[in-house]
Amino acid sequence: MLTFGMRCHDVCAPMEMEKVFATVKENGIHNIQLAMSKSITNYDLTTGHYSAGFARYIASQLQANDIHVSVLGCYINPTHPEESKREAEVARFVEHLKYARILGADMVGTETGRLHPAMKVNPQTYTEDAYQLLLKSMRTIVSAAEKLGVIVGVEGVYDHTLYSPERMKRFLEDIDSPNVEVILDAVNLMGPESNTEEEQADVLRRAFSYYGDRITMLHIKDYIMHGVSQEFRFVGEGQFHYGPLMKLLKEKKPMITMLLENSNLDHYHGDVAFLKKLYEEA
């Protein structure tokens, strides 16, 4: 059995927090990825506006609407080449770690960025220099997470700094902290060379072999490849083969939470039914 949820900013347009959470509840969604700045319009959420009282108020609104925050989203570029901007990104993430404690979020999540000020795809992202810059940022973040008792969720992407299962394995070994876990977005690991079911299955086997014990959250979607770029598709409408993933989940990850990405209310419940069927058949 899997647990399902959705990104909050895919549920509805940004508006007052109280209305956002009420809309989530009305549509029968109980687990969310909450990127506060993408969903909430009636509070200033820039760095420096955190307080325990504000976090408790948000927590009370979540509880009143029977909503659990599976991932508190704070997707930064920890490999930003400009030091002052990279440090500002890190500071924003650390503040989200403070929110997470009171909100009861499972983790605060981020991807690992690109070595470019505008996050553009570029070959320098795959270099050792980029990797070392990522480590520098993440060591600051993880030190704070360990002191606060909060989990950092890290997501690999085929054209980001952690671009492969091997790179993620090295990162987890280098960062060496029980407070770091993996958000597995299987589609995000599929580059232009991973088209067939067997090629995709190989990527997933490597990921589970290297760090399956650290995979504690899933993102799910579909895609088609245009050259070296991915284009989003709804679940079951692209070229991702779900069978190998479902078999691994059934064997190794009972009850793991699967958050649908780029979904909408017209698709969500049907896509959940589709995914449950695939899981049962695996």
Protein backbone atom coordinates (compact mmCIF):
# COMPACT_ATOMS: atom_id res chain seq x y z
CA MET A 1 0.00 0.00 0.00
CA LEU A 2 1.16 3.52 -0.79
CA THR A 3 0.23 6.86 0.72
CA PHE A 4 -0.62 9.60 -1.79
CA GLY A 5 -0.57 13.36 -1.85
CA MET A 6 -0.07 16.39 -4.03
CA ARG A 7 1.90 19.61 -4.20
CA CYS A 8 -0.20 22.32 -2.60
CA HIS A 9 0.45 24.83 -5.40
CA ASP A 10 -0.92 22.29 -7.90
CA VAL A 11 -4.21 22.08 -5.97
CA CYS A 12 -5.18 25.72 -6.43
CA ALA A 13 -3.88 29.15 -7.36
CA PRO A 14 -2.03 31.13 -4.68
CA MET A 15 -4.39 32.85 -2.23
CA GLU A 16 -4.98 33.36 1.48
CA MET A 17 -3.52 30.51 3.49
CA GLU A 18 -6.78 29.71 5.23
CA LYS A 19 -8.58 29.36 1.88
CA VAL A 20 -5.76 27.25 0.40
CA PHE A 21 -5.93 24.70 3.21
CA ALA A 22 -9.74 24.63 3.08
CA THR A 23 -9.54 23.88 -0.66
CA VAL A 24 -7.10 21.05 -0.05
CA LYS A 25 -9.47 19.52 2.50
CA GLU A 26 -12.52 19.94 0.26
CA ASN A 27 -10.81 17.87 -2.42
CA GLY A 28 -9.96 14.96 -0.15
CA ILE A 29 -6.20 15.49 -0.08
CA HIS A 30 -4.46 14.80 3.22
CA ASN A 31 -0.73 14.85 2.37
CA ILE A 32 0.91 17.82 0.69
CA GLN A 33 4.18 19.29 -0.35
CA LEU A 34 3.93 22.84 0.92
CA ALA A 35 6.05 25.52 -0.73
CA MET A 36 4.67 28.42 1.26
CA SER A 37 5.78 31.19 -1.08
CA LYS A 38 4.08 29.42 -4.01
CA SER A 39 0.72 28.98 -2.26
CA ILE A 40 0.20 31.69 0.34
CA THR A 41 -0.45 35.35 -0.50
CA ASN A 42 -1.59 36.99 2.73
CA TYR A 43 1.63 36.78 4.75
CA ASP A 44 5.18 37.95 4.13
CA LEU A 45 7.20 34.73 3.89
CA THR A 46 10.60 36.19 3.00
CA THR A 47 13.58 35.27 5.16
CA GLY A 48 13.45 36.84 8.60
CA HIS A 49 9.69 36.70 9.13
CA TYR A 50 9.64 33.36 10.96
CA SER A 51 8.44 33.19 14.56
CA ALA A 52 7.31 30.29 16.71
CA GLY A 53 3.89 31.89 17.09
CA PHE A 54 3.41 32.17 13.33
CA ALA A 55 4.49 28.57 12.84
CA ARG A 56 2.05 27.42 15.53
CA TYR A 57 -0.75 29.29 13.76
CA ILE A 58 0.08 27.57 10.45
CA ALA A 59 0.17 24.24 12.28
CA SER A 60 -3.27 24.90 13.76
CA GLN A 61 -4.70 25.61 10.31
CA LEU A 62 -3.20 22.39 8.95
CA GLN A 63 -4.59 20.37 11.83
CA ALA A 64 -8.05 21.92 11.47
CA ASN A 65 -8.12 20.76 7.85
CA ASP A 66 -6.64 17.28 8.47
CA ILE A 67 -3.56 18.04 6.36
CA HIS A 68 -0.07 16.63 6.87
CA VAL A 69 2.99 18.29 5.34
CA SER A 70 5.01 15.45 3.86
CA VAL A 71 7.56 17.86 2.39
CA LEU A 72 8.05 21.48 3.33
CA GLY A 73 9.37 22.68 -0.01
CA CYS A 74 12.28 25.12 -0.06
CA TYR A 75 13.79 24.48 -3.46
CA ILE A 76 16.96 26.56 -3.56
CA ASN A 77 20.07 26.56 -5.72
CA PRO A 78 22.77 25.45 -3.26
CA THR A 79 25.27 25.56 -6.13
CA HIS A 80 24.68 29.22 -7.03
CA PRO A 81 28.02 30.61 -8.27
CA GLU A 82 27.59 33.99 -6.52
CA GLU A 83 28.52 33.58 -2.88
CA SER A 84 26.20 36.22 -1.41
CA LYS A 85 23.19 34.85 -3.25
CA ARG A 86 24.09 31.27 -2.39
CA GLU A 87 24.40 32.20 1.29
CA ALA A 88 21.01 33.92 1.14
CA GLU A 89 19.51 30.73 -0.32
CA VAL A 90 21.06 28.68 2.46
CA ALA A 91 19.73 31.08 5.10
CA ARG A 92 16.22 30.75 3.65
CA PHE A 93 16.47 26.98 3.86
CA VAL A 94 17.68 27.07 7.46
CA GLU A 95 14.68 29.23 8.40
CA HIS A 96 12.40 26.61 6.83
CA LEU A 97 14.02 24.00 9.07
CA LYS A 98 12.73 26.01 12.03
CA TYR A 99 9.21 26.08 10.55
CA ALA A 100 9.35 22.32 9.96
CA ARG A 101 9.73 21.43 13.63
CA ILE A 102 6.47 23.10 14.63
CA LEU A 103 4.53 22.23 11.48
CA GLY A 104 5.32 18.54 11.99
CA ALA A 105 6.66 18.23 8.45
CA ASP A 106 8.44 15.00 7.57
CA MET A 107 11.29 16.92 5.96
CA VAL A 108 12.40 20.11 4.23
CA GLY A 109 13.17 19.37 0.60
CA THR A 110 15.38 20.76 -2.15
CA GLU A 111 16.98 19.80 -5.42
CA THR A 112 20.73 20.37 -5.76
CA GLY A 113 20.86 23.09 -8.38
CA ARG A 114 23.14 24.04 -11.21
CA LEU A 115 26.35 26.05 -11.36
CA HIS A 116 24.63 28.98 -13.07
CA PRO A 117 23.09 32.17 -11.62
CA ALA A 118 19.86 31.61 -13.57
CA MET A 119 19.82 27.82 -13.05
CA LYS A 120 20.42 27.16 -16.75
CA VAL A 121 21.64 23.74 -17.89
CA ASN A 122 25.41 23.86 -18.42
CA PRO A 123 28.33 21.39 -18.36
CA GLN A 124 30.02 23.09 -15.40
CA THR A 125 27.25 21.72 -13.18
CA TYR A 126 28.73 18.23 -13.47
CA THR A 127 32.24 19.27 -12.42
CA GLU A 128 34.07 18.62 -9.16
CA ASP A 129 34.02 22.36 -8.40
CA ALA A 130 30.23 22.38 -8.52
CA TYR A 131 30.05 19.31 -6.33
CA GLN A 132 32.35 20.86 -3.71
CA LEU A 133 30.25 24.04 -3.70
CA LEU A 134 27.15 21.92 -3.10
CA LEU A 135 28.87 20.20 -0.18
CA LYS A 136 29.80 23.55 1.33
CA SER A 137 26.18 24.72 1.23
CA MET A 138 24.74 21.45 2.44
CA ARG A 139 27.13 21.14 5.36
CA THR A 140 25.80 24.43 6.72
CA ILE A 141 22.21 23.26 6.17
CA VAL A 142 22.78 19.81 7.65
CA SER A 143 24.53 21.20 10.71
CA ALA A 144 21.41 23.26 11.43
CA ALA A 145 19.14 20.28 10.73
CA GLU A 146 21.05 18.12 13.20
CA LYS A 147 20.76 20.75 15.93
CA LEU A 148 17.03 21.19 15.27
CA GLY A 149 16.26 17.51 14.87
CA VAL A 150 14.84 17.95 11.36
CA ILE A 151 15.29 15.89 8.18
CA VAL A 152 16.67 17.39 4.96
CA GLY A 153 15.25 15.78 1.82
CA VAL A 154 17.57 15.88 -1.19
CA GLU A 155 16.35 15.22 -4.72
CA GLY A 156 18.62 14.19 -7.58
CA VAL A 157 17.98 15.40 -11.14
CA TYR A 158 19.75 14.23 -14.28
CA ASP A 159 20.93 17.75 -15.22
CA HIS A 160 21.64 19.06 -11.70
CA THR A 161 24.70 18.72 -9.47
CA LEU A 162 23.55 15.33 -8.16
CA TYR A 163 22.79 13.94 -11.60
CA SER A 164 23.06 10.18 -11.12
CA PRO A 165 22.65 7.45 -8.49
CA GLU A 166 26.43 7.28 -8.21
CA ARG A 167 26.70 10.99 -7.49
CA MET A 168 23.95 10.78 -4.87
CA LYS A 169 25.71 7.83 -3.23
CA ARG A 170 28.93 9.83 -3.00
CA PHE A 171 27.07 12.81 -1.58
CA LEU A 172 25.39 10.78 1.15
CA GLU A 173 28.73 9.26 2.13
CA ASP A 174 30.49 12.64 2.16
CA ILE A 175 27.78 14.47 4.09
CA ASP A 176 27.59 11.52 6.52
CA SER A 177 24.47 12.50 8.47
CA PRO A 178 21.36 10.59 9.57
CA ASN A 179 19.45 13.85 9.05
CA VAL A 180 19.70 13.61 5.27
CA GLU A 181 17.28 11.45 3.31
CA VAL A 182 16.41 11.11 -0.37
CA ILE A 183 13.34 12.32 -2.22
CA LEU A 184 13.22 9.94 -5.16
CA ASP A 185 11.75 11.44 -8.31
CA ALA A 186 12.32 8.56 -10.70
CA VAL A 187 11.48 10.64 -13.76
CA ASN A 188 14.01 13.30 -12.77
CA LEU A 189 16.78 10.68 -12.89
CA MET A 190 15.93 9.69 -16.47
CA GLY A 191 18.20 11.47 -18.93
CA PRO A 192 18.16 11.17 -22.71
CA GLU A 193 19.87 7.77 -22.56
CA SER A 194 17.14 6.15 -20.40
CA ASN A 195 14.30 5.43 -22.80
CA THR A 196 13.52 1.73 -22.62
CA GLU A 197 12.03 -0.08 -19.66
CA GLU A 198 15.28 -1.93 -19.05
CA GLU A 199 17.35 1.29 -19.17
CA GLN A 200 15.01 2.94 -16.70
CA ALA A 201 14.94 -0.14 -14.50
CA ASP A 202 18.75 -0.09 -14.37
CA VAL A 203 18.77 3.49 -13.06
CA LEU A 204 16.26 2.57 -10.36
CA ARG A 205 18.09 -0.63 -9.39
CA ARG A 206 21.29 1.35 -8.91
CA ALA A 207 19.51 3.97 -6.81
CA PHE A 208 17.91 1.38 -4.53
CA SER A 209 21.14 -0.61 -4.34
CA TYR A 210 23.23 2.41 -3.33
CA TYR A 211 20.84 4.21 -0.98
CA GLY A 212 17.49 2.46 -0.87
CA ASP A 213 17.50 2.70 2.90
CA ARG A 214 17.62 6.51 2.61
CA ILE A 215 14.71 6.87 0.15
CA THR A 216 11.81 8.08 2.29
CA MET A 217 9.67 10.19 -0.07
CA LEU A 218 8.60 9.91 -3.71
CA HIS A 219 7.63 12.33 -6.43
CA ILE A 220 5.70 10.90 -9.34
CA LYS A 221 4.82 12.17 -12.81
CA ASP A 222 5.42 11.24 -16.44
CA TYR A 223 7.41 12.75 -19.30
CA ILE A 224 8.53 12.64 -22.88
CA MET A 225 12.03 13.52 -23.99
CA HIS A 226 12.78 16.24 -26.54
CA GLY A 227 16.49 15.92 -27.27
CA VAL A 228 18.11 16.44 -23.88
CA SER A 229 15.10 18.16 -22.28
CA GLN A 230 12.10 16.64 -20.52
CA GLU A 231 8.53 17.71 -21.16
CA PHE A 232 5.91 16.98 -18.49
CA ARG A 233 3.08 14.52 -19.05
CA PHE A 234 0.38 13.32 -16.67
CA VAL A 235 0.77 9.89 -15.11
CA GLY A 236 0.54 7.13 -17.72
CA GLU A 237 0.68 9.52 -20.69
CA GLY A 238 4.42 9.55 -21.33
CA GLN A 239 7.40 7.23 -21.70
CA PHE A 240 8.06 6.35 -18.06
CA HIS A 241 7.71 2.63 -17.27
CA TYR A 242 6.17 2.28 -13.79
CA GLY A 243 6.53 -1.49 -13.39
CA PRO A 244 10.15 -1.61 -12.12
CA LEU A 245 9.51 1.22 -9.65
CA MET A 246 6.36 -0.39 -8.27
CA LYS A 247 8.11 -3.73 -7.79
CA LEU A 248 10.90 -2.07 -5.82
CA LEU A 249 8.44 -0.12 -3.69
CA LYS A 250 6.35 -3.19 -2.96
CA GLU A 251 9.43 -5.11 -1.88
CA LYS A 252 11.27 -2.42 0.04
CA LYS A 253 9.11 0.60 0.92
CA PRO A 254 5.67 -0.20 2.38
CA MET A 255 3.43 2.84 2.99
CA ILE A 256 5.91 5.32 1.49
CA THR A 257 4.32 8.63 0.51
CA MET A 258 4.03 9.36 -3.20
CA LEU A 259 3.44 13.02 -4.09
CA LEU A 260 2.08 13.72 -7.55
CA GLU A 261 3.84 16.59 -9.31
CA ASN A 262 2.29 19.03 -11.80
CA SER A 263 -1.02 17.27 -11.30
CA ASN A 264 -4.38 19.04 -10.99
CA LEU A 265 -7.76 18.32 -9.47
CA ASP A 266 -9.13 16.96 -12.74
CA HIS A 267 -6.41 14.29 -12.84
CA TYR A 268 -5.39 13.61 -9.24
CA HIS A 269 -7.92 11.05 -8.02
CA GLY A 270 -7.91 9.15 -11.32
CA ASP A 271 -4.12 9.09 -11.34
CA VAL A 272 -4.08 7.78 -7.77
CA ALA A 273 -6.43 4.96 -8.78
CA PHE A 274 -4.18 4.17 -11.76
CA LEU A 275 -1.06 4.06 -9.57
CA LYS A 276 -2.75 1.89 -6.93
CA LYS A 277 -3.68 -0.60 -9.64
CA LEU A 278 -0.11 -0.72 -10.94
CA TYR A 279 1.17 -1.25 -7.39
CA GLU A 280 -1.29 -4.08 -6.76
CA GLU A 281 -0.24 -5.77 -10.02
CA ALA A 282 3.51 -5.43 -9.40
